[in-house]
Amino acid sequence: MKIFVNDENCQIDDNSSLLSLLDSLGLSGLRGWAIAVNEEVVVQSELENVFLNEGDRILLIQATQGG
């Protein structure tokens, strides 16, 4: 199925969880990241409970330090 990760097309298996997507991207165990699905923030403890659907838009934002 086709989804979008930071506005890039991405093909994933049907019935994939958000956690499995992050694992496939090498981003499991994220620290300092915000994750949203269809503009709704997902907390870390819910990653394995969120299942993705065709056309979902995932936004991954890494916190940076600066001044």
PDB file of N, CA and C in Angstrom:
ATOM      1  N   MET A   1       0.848  -1.169   0.000  1.00  0.00           N
ATOM      2  CA  MET A   1       0.000   0.000   0.000  1.00  0.00           C
ATOM      3  C   MET A   1       0.892   1.230   0.000  1.00  0.00           C
ATOM      4  N   LYS A   2       0.364   2.331  -0.526  1.00  0.00           N
ATOM      5  CA  LYS A   2       1.146   3.558  -0.647  1.00  0.00           C
ATOM      6  C   LYS A   2       0.770   4.537   0.469  1.00  0.00           C
ATOM      7  N   ILE A   3       1.800   5.040   1.147  1.00  0.00           N
ATOM      8  CA  ILE A   3       1.637   6.100   2.142  1.00  0.00           C
ATOM      9  C   ILE A   3       2.659   7.180   1.815  1.00  0.00           C
ATOM     10  N   PHE A   4       2.687   8.226   2.589  1.00  0.00           N
ATOM     11  CA  PHE A   4       3.643   9.308   2.409  1.00  0.00           C
ATOM     12  C   PHE A   4       4.385   9.537   3.721  1.00  0.00           C
ATOM     13  N   VAL A   5       5.699   9.561   3.660  1.00  0.00           N
ATOM     14  CA  VAL A   5       6.535   9.839   4.824  1.00  0.00           C
ATOM     15  C   VAL A   5       7.290  11.122   4.522  1.00  0.00           C
ATOM     16  N   ASN A   6       6.995  12.159   5.269  1.00  0.00           N
ATOM     17  CA  ASN A   6       7.563  13.485   5.013  1.00  0.00           C
ATOM     18  C   ASN A   6       7.415  13.868   3.539  1.00  0.00           C
ATOM     19  N   ASP A   7       6.204  13.649   3.015  1.00  0.00           N
ATOM     20  CA  ASP A   7       5.806  13.980   1.639  1.00  0.00           C
ATOM     21  C   ASP A   7       6.491  13.144   0.558  1.00  0.00           C
ATOM     22  N   GLU A   8       7.179  12.071   0.937  1.00  0.00           N
ATOM     23  CA  GLU A   8       7.786  11.155  -0.033  1.00  0.00           C
ATOM     24  C   GLU A   8       6.931   9.885  -0.108  1.00  0.00           C
ATOM     25  N   ASN A   9       6.696   9.393  -1.340  1.00  0.00           N
ATOM     26  CA  ASN A   9       5.967   8.139  -1.511  1.00  0.00           C
ATOM     27  C   ASN A   9       6.717   7.005  -0.831  1.00  0.00           C
ATOM     28  N   CYS A  10       5.965   6.116  -0.209  1.00  0.00           N
ATOM     29  CA  CYS A  10       6.554   4.970   0.480  1.00  0.00           C
ATOM     30  C   CYS A  10       5.599   3.794   0.330  1.00  0.00           C
ATOM     31  N   GLN A  11       6.114   2.642  -0.070  1.00  0.00           N
ATOM     32  CA  GLN A  11       5.320   1.431  -0.187  1.00  0.00           C
ATOM     33  C   GLN A  11       5.539   0.580   1.062  1.00  0.00           C
ATOM     34  N   ILE A  12       4.452   0.146   1.677  1.00  0.00           N
ATOM     35  CA  ILE A  12       4.533  -0.721   2.857  1.00  0.00           C
ATOM     36  C   ILE A  12       3.529  -1.857   2.709  1.00  0.00           C
ATOM     37  N   ASP A  13       3.682  -2.877   3.527  1.00  0.00           N
ATOM     38  CA  ASP A  13       2.748  -3.992   3.532  1.00  0.00           C
ATOM     39  C   ASP A  13       1.418  -3.566   4.148  1.00  0.00           C
ATOM     40  N   ASP A  14       0.344  -4.191   3.681  1.00  0.00           N
ATOM     41  CA  ASP A  14      -0.962  -3.966   4.303  1.00  0.00           C
ATOM     42  C   ASP A  14      -0.879  -4.350   5.775  1.00  0.00           C
ATOM     43  N   ASN A  15      -1.704  -3.726   6.593  1.00  0.00           N
ATOM     44  CA  ASN A  15      -1.772  -3.998   8.034  1.00  0.00           C
ATOM     45  C   ASN A  15      -0.476  -3.688   8.774  1.00  0.00           C
ATOM     46  N   SER A  16       0.307  -2.744   8.266  1.00  0.00           N
ATOM     47  CA  SER A  16       1.551  -2.350   8.941  1.00  0.00           C
ATOM     48  C   SER A  16       1.252  -1.364  10.059  1.00  0.00           C
ATOM     49  N   SER A  17       1.957  -1.541  11.157  1.00  0.00           N
ATOM     50  CA  SER A  17       1.828  -0.584  12.261  1.00  0.00           C
ATOM     51  C   SER A  17       2.833   0.543  12.056  1.00  0.00           C
ATOM     52  N   LEU A  18       2.625   1.612  12.773  1.00  0.00           N
ATOM     53  CA  LEU A  18       3.563   2.722  12.724  1.00  0.00           C
ATOM     54  C   LEU A  18       4.930   2.264  13.229  1.00  0.00           C
ATOM     55  N   LEU A  19       4.944   1.418  14.253  1.00  0.00           N
ATOM     56  CA  LEU A  19       6.206   0.899  14.784  1.00  0.00           C
ATOM     57  C   LEU A  19       6.950   0.080  13.734  1.00  0.00           C
ATOM     58  N   SER A  20       6.245  -0.751  12.977  1.00  0.00           N
ATOM     59  CA  SER A  20       6.915  -1.553  11.944  1.00  0.00           C
ATOM     60  C   SER A  20       7.466  -0.653  10.837  1.00  0.00           C
ATOM     61  N   LEU A  21       6.776   0.423  10.516  1.00  0.00           N
ATOM     62  CA  LEU A  21       7.299   1.379   9.538  1.00  0.00           C
ATOM     63  C   LEU A  21       8.595   1.991  10.046  1.00  0.00           C
ATOM     64  N   LEU A  22       8.598   2.440  11.293  1.00  0.00           N
ATOM     65  CA  LEU A  22       9.801   3.047  11.863  1.00  0.00           C
ATOM     66  C   LEU A  22      10.958   2.045  11.890  1.00  0.00           C
ATOM     67  N   ASP A  23      10.666   0.799  12.221  1.00  0.00           N
ATOM     68  CA  ASP A  23      11.704  -0.251  12.195  1.00  0.00           C
ATOM     69  C   ASP A  23      12.283  -0.390  10.799  1.00  0.00           C
ATOM     70  N   SER A  24      11.422  -0.411   9.779  1.00  0.00           N
ATOM     71  CA  SER A  24      11.894  -0.581   8.406  1.00  0.00           C
ATOM     72  C   SER A  24      12.721   0.610   7.936  1.00  0.00           C
ATOM     73  N   LEU A  25      12.488   1.770   8.526  1.00  0.00           N
ATOM     74  CA  LEU A  25      13.257   2.972   8.180  1.00  0.00           C
ATOM     75  C   LEU A  25      14.515   3.116   9.036  1.00  0.00           C
ATOM     76  N   GLY A  26      14.727   2.167   9.957  1.00  0.00           N
ATOM     77  CA  GLY A  26      15.882   2.235  10.849  1.00  0.00           C
ATOM     78  C   GLY A  26      15.740   3.299  11.920  1.00  0.00           C
ATOM     79  N   LEU A  27      14.507   3.607  12.272  1.00  0.00           N
ATOM     80  CA  LEU A  27      14.253   4.678  13.240  1.00  0.00           C
ATOM     81  C   LEU A  27      13.598   4.190  14.524  1.00  0.00           C
ATOM     82  N   SER A  28      13.694   2.907  14.827  1.00  0.00           N
ATOM     83  CA  SER A  28      13.103   2.417  16.073  1.00  0.00           C
ATOM     84  C   SER A  28      13.908   2.945  17.259  1.00  0.00           C
ATOM     85  N   GLY A  29      13.282   3.059  18.393  1.00  0.00           N
ATOM     86  CA  GLY A  29      13.961   3.573  19.585  1.00  0.00           C
ATOM     87  C   GLY A  29      14.243   5.063  19.484  1.00  0.00           C
ATOM     88  N   LEU A  30      13.357   5.768  18.821  1.00  0.00           N
ATOM     89  CA  LEU A  30      13.556   7.204  18.601  1.00  0.00           C
ATOM     90  C   LEU A  30      13.625   7.979  19.907  1.00  0.00           C
ATOM     91  N   ARG A  31      14.531   8.908  19.938  1.00  0.00           N
ATOM     92  CA  ARG A  31      14.608   9.865  21.046  1.00  0.00           C
ATOM     93  C   ARG A  31      14.725  11.235  20.403  1.00  0.00           C
ATOM     94  N   GLY A  32      13.919  12.161  20.884  1.00  0.00           N
ATOM     95  CA  GLY A  32      13.974  13.514  20.341  1.00  0.00           C
ATOM     96  C   GLY A  32      13.236  13.672  19.023  1.00  0.00           C
ATOM     97  N   TRP A  33      12.287  12.784  18.760  1.00  0.00           N
ATOM     98  CA  TRP A  33      11.509  12.861  17.529  1.00  0.00           C
ATOM     99  C   TRP A  33      10.035  13.081  17.862  1.00  0.00           C
ATOM    100  N   ALA A  34       9.343  13.804  17.004  1.00  0.00           N
ATOM    101  CA  ALA A  34       7.888  13.922  17.059  1.00  0.00           C
ATOM    102  C   ALA A  34       7.344  13.200  15.834  1.00  0.00           C
ATOM    103  N   ILE A  35       6.252  12.466  16.026  1.00  0.00           N
ATOM    104  CA  ILE A  35       5.666  11.678  14.952  1.00  0.00           C
ATOM    105  C   ILE A  35       4.184  12.014  14.871  1.00  0.00           C
ATOM    106  N   ALA A  36       3.720  12.290  13.653  1.00  0.00           N
ATOM    107  CA  ALA A  36       2.307  12.564  13.442  1.00  0.00           C
ATOM    108  C   ALA A  36       1.798  11.715  12.285  1.00  0.00           C
ATOM    109  N   VAL A  37       0.571  11.256  12.409  1.00  0.00           N
ATOM    110  CA  VAL A  37      -0.114  10.548  11.332  1.00  0.00           C
ATOM    111  C   VAL A  37      -1.345  11.373  10.988  1.00  0.00           C
ATOM    112  N   ASN A  38      -1.394  11.808   9.731  1.00  0.00           N
ATOM    113  CA  ASN A  38      -2.516  12.645   9.285  1.00  0.00           C
ATOM    114  C   ASN A  38      -2.741  13.830  10.223  1.00  0.00           C
ATOM    115  N   GLU A  39      -1.649  14.469  10.582  1.00  0.00           N
ATOM    116  CA  GLU A  39      -1.616  15.688  11.395  1.00  0.00           C
ATOM    117  C   GLU A  39      -2.018  15.488  12.853  1.00  0.00           C
ATOM    118  N   GLU A  40      -2.025  14.239  13.333  1.00  0.00           N
ATOM    119  CA  GLU A  40      -2.280  13.964  14.744  1.00  0.00           C
ATOM    120  C   GLU A  40      -1.039  13.352  15.365  1.00  0.00           C
ATOM    121  N   VAL A  41      -0.524  13.992  16.414  1.00  0.00           N
ATOM    122  CA  VAL A  41       0.684  13.518  17.081  1.00  0.00           C
ATOM    123  C   VAL A  41       0.417  12.164  17.736  1.00  0.00           C
ATOM    124  N   VAL A  42       1.395  11.262  17.601  1.00  0.00           N
ATOM    125  CA  VAL A  42       1.301   9.932  18.206  1.00  0.00           C
ATOM    126  C   VAL A  42       2.373   9.831  19.280  1.00  0.00           C
ATOM    127  N   VAL A  43       1.971   9.466  20.491  1.00  0.00           N
ATOM    128  CA  VAL A  43       2.942   9.314  21.573  1.00  0.00           C
ATOM    129  C   VAL A  43       3.681   7.990  21.424  1.00  0.00           C
ATOM    130  N   GLN A  44       4.920   7.955  21.907  1.00  0.00           N
ATOM    131  CA  GLN A  44       5.788   6.780  21.763  1.00  0.00           C
ATOM    132  C   GLN A  44       5.120   5.491  22.242  1.00  0.00           C
ATOM    133  N   SER A  45       4.378   5.558  23.329  1.00  0.00           N
ATOM    134  CA  SER A  45       3.776   4.350  23.895  1.00  0.00           C
ATOM    135  C   SER A  45       2.669   3.770  23.006  1.00  0.00           C
ATOM    136  N   GLU A  46       2.207   4.506  22.010  1.00  0.00           N
ATOM    137  CA  GLU A  46       1.126   4.046  21.135  1.00  0.00           C
ATOM    138  C   GLU A  46       1.593   3.619  19.746  1.00  0.00           C
ATOM    139  N   LEU A  47       2.892   3.674  19.474  1.00  0.00           N
ATOM    140  CA  LEU A  47       3.393   3.378  18.123  1.00  0.00           C
ATOM    141  C   LEU A  47       2.973   2.013  17.608  1.00  0.00           C
ATOM    142  N   GLU A  48       2.974   1.012  18.461  1.00  0.00           N
ATOM    143  CA  GLU A  48       2.625  -0.341  18.014  1.00  0.00           C
ATOM    144  C   GLU A  48       1.122  -0.530  17.858  1.00  0.00           C
ATOM    145  N   ASN A  49       0.326   0.401  18.380  1.00  0.00           N
ATOM    146  CA  ASN A  49      -1.134   0.293  18.312  1.00  0.00           C
ATOM    147  C   ASN A  49      -1.746   1.092  17.167  1.00  0.00           C
ATOM    148  N   VAL A  50      -0.923   1.857  16.448  1.00  0.00           N
ATOM    149  CA  VAL A  50      -1.418   2.666  15.338  1.00  0.00           C
ATOM    150  C   VAL A  50      -1.129   1.912  14.041  1.00  0.00           C
ATOM    151  N   PHE A  51      -2.205   1.534  13.330  1.00  0.00           N
ATOM    152  CA  PHE A  51      -2.058   0.829  12.062  1.00  0.00           C
ATOM    153  C   PHE A  51      -2.313   1.788  10.918  1.00  0.00           C
ATOM    154  N   LEU A  52      -1.510   1.663   9.878  1.00  0.00           N
ATOM    155  CA  LEU A  52      -1.536   2.611   8.773  1.00  0.00           C
ATOM    156  C   LEU A  52      -2.507   2.169   7.688  1.00  0.00           C
ATOM    157  N   ASN A  53      -3.026   3.158   6.969  1.00  0.00           N
ATOM    158  CA  ASN A  53      -3.977   2.934   5.887  1.00  0.00           C
ATOM    159  C   ASN A  53      -3.468   3.582   4.606  1.00  0.00           C
ATOM    160  N   GLU A  54      -3.965   3.098   3.489  1.00  0.00           N
ATOM    161  CA  GLU A  54      -3.623   3.658   2.179  1.00  0.00           C
ATOM    162  C   GLU A  54      -3.761   5.177   2.206  1.00  0.00           C
ATOM    163  N   GLY A  55      -2.722   5.873   1.742  1.00  0.00           N
ATOM    164  CA  GLY A  55      -2.757   7.326   1.634  1.00  0.00           C
ATOM    165  C   GLY A  55      -2.432   8.089   2.901  1.00  0.00           C
ATOM    166  N   ASP A  56      -2.166   7.388   4.012  1.00  0.00           N
ATOM    167  CA  ASP A  56      -1.806   8.094   5.247  1.00  0.00           C
ATOM    168  C   ASP A  56      -0.569   8.946   5.036  1.00  0.00           C
ATOM    169  N   ARG A  57      -0.527  10.046   5.760  1.00  0.00           N
ATOM    170  CA  ARG A  57       0.622  10.959   5.708  1.00  0.00           C
ATOM    171  C   ARG A  57       1.297  10.956   7.071  1.00  0.00           C
ATOM    172  N   ILE A  58       2.548  10.507   7.070  1.00  0.00           N
ATOM    173  CA  ILE A  58       3.327  10.426   8.298  1.00  0.00           C
ATOM    174  C   ILE A  58       4.349  11.561   8.266  1.00  0.00           C
ATOM    175  N   LEU A  59       4.452  12.280   9.362  1.00  0.00           N
ATOM    176  CA  LEU A  59       5.428  13.363   9.481  1.00  0.00           C
ATOM    177  C   LEU A  59       6.374  13.013  10.612  1.00  0.00           C
ATOM    178  N   LEU A  60       7.663  12.993  10.297  1.00  0.00           N
ATOM    179  CA  LEU A  60       8.712  12.713  11.284  1.00  0.00           C
ATOM    180  C   LEU A  60       9.542  13.982  11.431  1.00  0.00           C
ATOM    181  N   ILE A  61       9.630  14.486  12.662  1.00  0.00           N
ATOM    182  CA  ILE A  61      10.396  15.701  12.926  1.00  0.00           C
ATOM    183  C   ILE A  61      11.369  15.429  14.047  1.00  0.00           C
ATOM    184  N   GLN A  62      12.652  15.694  13.787  1.00  0.00           N
ATOM    185  CA  GLN A  62      13.679  15.507  14.803  1.00  0.00           C
ATOM    186  C   GLN A  62      13.966  16.833  15.480  1.00  0.00           C
ATOM    187  N   ALA A  63      13.935  16.810  16.813  1.00  0.00           N
ATOM    188  CA  ALA A  63      14.267  18.008  17.584  1.00  0.00           C
ATOM    189  C   ALA A  63      15.753  18.308  17.414  1.00  0.00           C
ATOM    190  N   THR A  64      16.070  19.559  17.277  1.00  0.00           N
ATOM    191  CA  THR A  64      17.471  19.964  17.171  1.00  0.00           C
ATOM    192  C   THR A  64      17.757  21.013  18.219  1.00  0.00           C
ATOM    193  N   GLN A  65      19.015  21.112  18.545  1.00  0.00           N
ATOM    194  CA  GLN A  65      19.451  22.068  19.547  1.00  0.00           C
ATOM    195  C   GLN A  65      20.097  23.249  18.828  1.00  0.00           C
ATOM    196  N   GLY A  66      19.886  24.399  19.328  1.00  0.00           N
ATOM    197  CA  GLY A  66      20.501  25.562  18.703  1.00  0.00           C
ATOM    198  C   GLY A  66      20.117  26.816  19.453  1.00  0.00           C
ATOM    199  N   GLY A  67      20.558  27.907  18.936  1.00  0.00           N
ATOM    200  CA  GLY A  67      20.229  29.132  19.633  1.00  0.00           C
ATOM    201  C   GLY A  67      20.224  30.324  18.768  1.00  0.00           C
TER     202      GLY A  67
END
